[in-house]
Amino acid sequence: MERYCLDCGEPLNGRADKKYCSDQCRNSHNNRLNSDDNNFMRNVNNILRRNRRILADLTPEGKSTLPKEKIAAQGFHFGYYTHIYTTRKGTTYYFCYEYGFLLHGNDFATIVHRKRTQSLEKEAVAMSV
């Protein structure tokens, strides 16, 4: 039974379980299969990095309240964040890594910077369990 390379279609010689005629064909085939997933993850990561950078630029003092329009005008996407933190009082903060924002209705948002502490590390471990 004649076997052919999964990428270029050339006849295969050698091992019975061989799927590709060369490393180039193997890499090309796998890159093509994963390109959609990789592009999606790359786009989401780029948005998260941009969101973090915008929050960092707008919060030099560690905490500030700004109009949502000002934040959105810089390219911030409110639907992309890394995690949610709810306080004991029920207030919900949305975080992009260590920078978070609290929405006040449709007009304003408070931006906070949460420094990495051991309590955060314990919280992250508890969330992963």
Protein backbone atom coordinates (compact mmCIF):
# COMPACT_ATOMS: atom_id res chain seq x y z
CA MET A 1 0.00 0.00 0.00
CA GLU A 2 1.46 3.33 -1.11
CA ARG A 3 1.56 6.00 1.60
CA TYR A 4 1.77 9.74 0.96
CA CYS A 5 2.98 12.77 2.90
CA LEU A 6 0.09 14.48 4.74
CA ASP A 7 1.38 17.91 3.69
CA CYS A 8 2.73 17.74 0.13
CA GLY A 9 1.40 14.40 -1.09
CA GLU A 10 4.80 12.94 -2.02
CA PRO A 11 5.21 9.14 -1.69
CA LEU A 12 6.75 8.09 1.64
CA ASN A 13 9.74 5.79 2.04
CA GLY A 14 10.99 4.30 5.29
CA ARG A 15 9.15 3.49 8.48
CA ALA A 16 5.64 2.08 8.29
CA ASP A 17 4.23 4.78 10.58
CA LYS A 18 5.89 7.71 8.81
CA LYS A 19 3.44 10.55 8.03
CA TYR A 20 5.62 13.27 6.49
CA CYS A 21 8.44 13.24 3.99
CA SER A 22 10.48 15.88 5.87
CA ASP A 23 10.59 18.07 8.98
CA GLN A 24 9.55 21.01 6.82
CA CYS A 25 6.33 19.22 5.78
CA ARG A 26 5.64 18.15 9.38
CA ASN A 27 6.08 21.72 10.65
CA SER A 28 4.06 23.18 7.80
CA HIS A 29 1.18 20.76 8.37
CA ASN A 30 1.07 21.31 12.16
CA ASN A 31 1.35 25.09 11.80
CA ARG A 32 -1.56 25.10 9.38
CA LEU A 33 -3.68 22.96 11.75
CA ASN A 34 -2.95 25.20 14.75
CA SER A 35 -3.03 28.59 13.03
CA ASP A 36 -6.67 29.38 13.90
CA ASP A 37 -6.19 28.58 17.60
CA ASN A 38 -2.88 30.43 17.74
CA ASN A 39 -4.33 33.50 16.03
CA PHE A 40 -7.28 33.61 18.44
CA MET A 41 -5.04 33.29 21.53
CA ARG A 42 -2.59 35.85 20.15
CA ASN A 43 -5.41 38.35 19.56
CA VAL A 44 -6.88 37.86 23.04
CA ASN A 45 -3.44 38.19 24.67
CA ASN A 46 -2.76 41.37 22.69
CA ILE A 47 -6.07 42.87 23.88
CA LEU A 48 -5.30 41.92 27.51
CA ARG A 49 -1.81 43.45 27.30
CA ARG A 50 -3.24 46.63 25.76
CA ASN A 51 -5.91 46.82 28.48
CA ARG A 52 -3.26 46.42 31.20
CA ARG A 53 -1.05 49.10 29.62
CA ILE A 54 -3.98 51.54 29.40
CA LEU A 55 -4.95 50.95 33.04
CA ALA A 56 -1.33 51.38 34.15
CA ASP A 57 -0.99 54.64 32.20
CA LEU A 58 -4.22 56.03 33.68
CA THR A 59 -3.35 55.08 37.27
CA PRO A 60 0.04 56.51 38.20
CA GLU A 61 -1.01 57.02 41.86
CA GLY A 62 -2.49 53.53 42.37
CA LYS A 63 -6.16 54.58 42.22
CA SER A 64 -8.19 56.94 40.05
CA THR A 65 -11.78 57.49 38.91
CA LEU A 66 -12.30 58.45 35.28
CA PRO A 67 -15.14 58.67 32.76
CA LYS A 68 -15.59 55.40 30.88
CA GLU A 69 -15.47 57.31 27.59
CA LYS A 70 -11.92 58.49 28.35
CA ILE A 71 -10.80 54.91 29.03
CA ALA A 72 -12.58 53.53 25.95
CA ALA A 73 -11.15 56.31 23.76
CA GLN A 74 -7.67 54.90 24.38
CA GLY A 75 -8.74 51.53 22.96
CA PHE A 76 -9.73 49.76 26.18
CA HIS A 77 -12.02 46.71 25.78
CA PHE A 78 -14.19 46.35 28.89
CA GLY A 79 -15.18 42.78 27.97
CA TYR A 80 -11.63 41.43 28.24
CA TYR A 81 -10.14 40.83 31.70
CA THR A 82 -8.12 38.11 33.42
CA HIS A 83 -10.17 37.62 36.58
CA ILE A 84 -12.98 38.99 38.75
CA TYR A 85 -12.68 39.91 42.41
CA THR A 86 -15.80 40.39 44.55
CA THR A 87 -15.39 42.11 47.90
CA ARG A 88 -17.22 41.11 51.06
CA LYS A 89 -19.63 43.98 50.44
CA GLY A 90 -20.47 42.55 47.02
CA THR A 91 -18.55 45.07 44.90
CA THR A 92 -17.17 43.47 41.74
CA TYR A 93 -13.77 44.47 40.34
CA TYR A 94 -12.61 43.25 36.93
CA PHE A 95 -8.84 42.78 36.69
CA CYS A 96 -6.33 42.76 33.85
CA TYR A 97 -3.49 41.12 35.73
CA GLU A 98 -2.75 43.42 38.72
CA TYR A 99 -4.79 46.41 37.47
CA GLY A 100 -8.53 46.39 38.07
CA PHE A 101 -11.54 48.51 37.37
CA LEU A 102 -14.86 49.01 39.11
CA LEU A 103 -17.75 50.22 36.99
CA HIS A 104 -20.05 52.92 38.41
CA GLY A 105 -23.18 52.73 36.29
CA ASN A 106 -22.60 53.72 32.68
CA ASP A 107 -20.54 56.85 33.32
CA PHE A 108 -17.45 56.27 35.47
CA ALA A 109 -14.91 53.62 36.35
CA THR A 110 -12.49 53.45 39.27
CA ILE A 111 -9.10 52.00 38.38
CA VAL A 112 -7.01 50.34 41.09
CA HIS A 113 -3.56 48.79 41.23
CA ARG A 114 -3.33 45.71 43.43
CA LYS A 115 0.26 44.93 44.33
CA ARG A 116 1.28 41.29 44.37
CA THR A 117 1.26 39.98 47.93
CA GLN A 118 1.24 36.61 49.59
CA SER A 119 -2.52 36.88 50.13
CA LEU A 120 -2.96 37.16 46.37
CA GLU A 121 -0.74 34.12 45.86
CA LYS A 122 -2.83 32.15 48.37
CA GLU A 123 -5.99 33.31 46.59
CA ALA A 124 -4.60 32.16 43.24
CA VAL A 125 -3.69 28.76 44.67
CA ALA A 126 -7.15 28.41 46.23
CA MET A 127 -8.79 29.28 42.90
CA SER A 128 -6.75 26.65 41.05
CA VAL A 129 -7.71 23.84 43.45
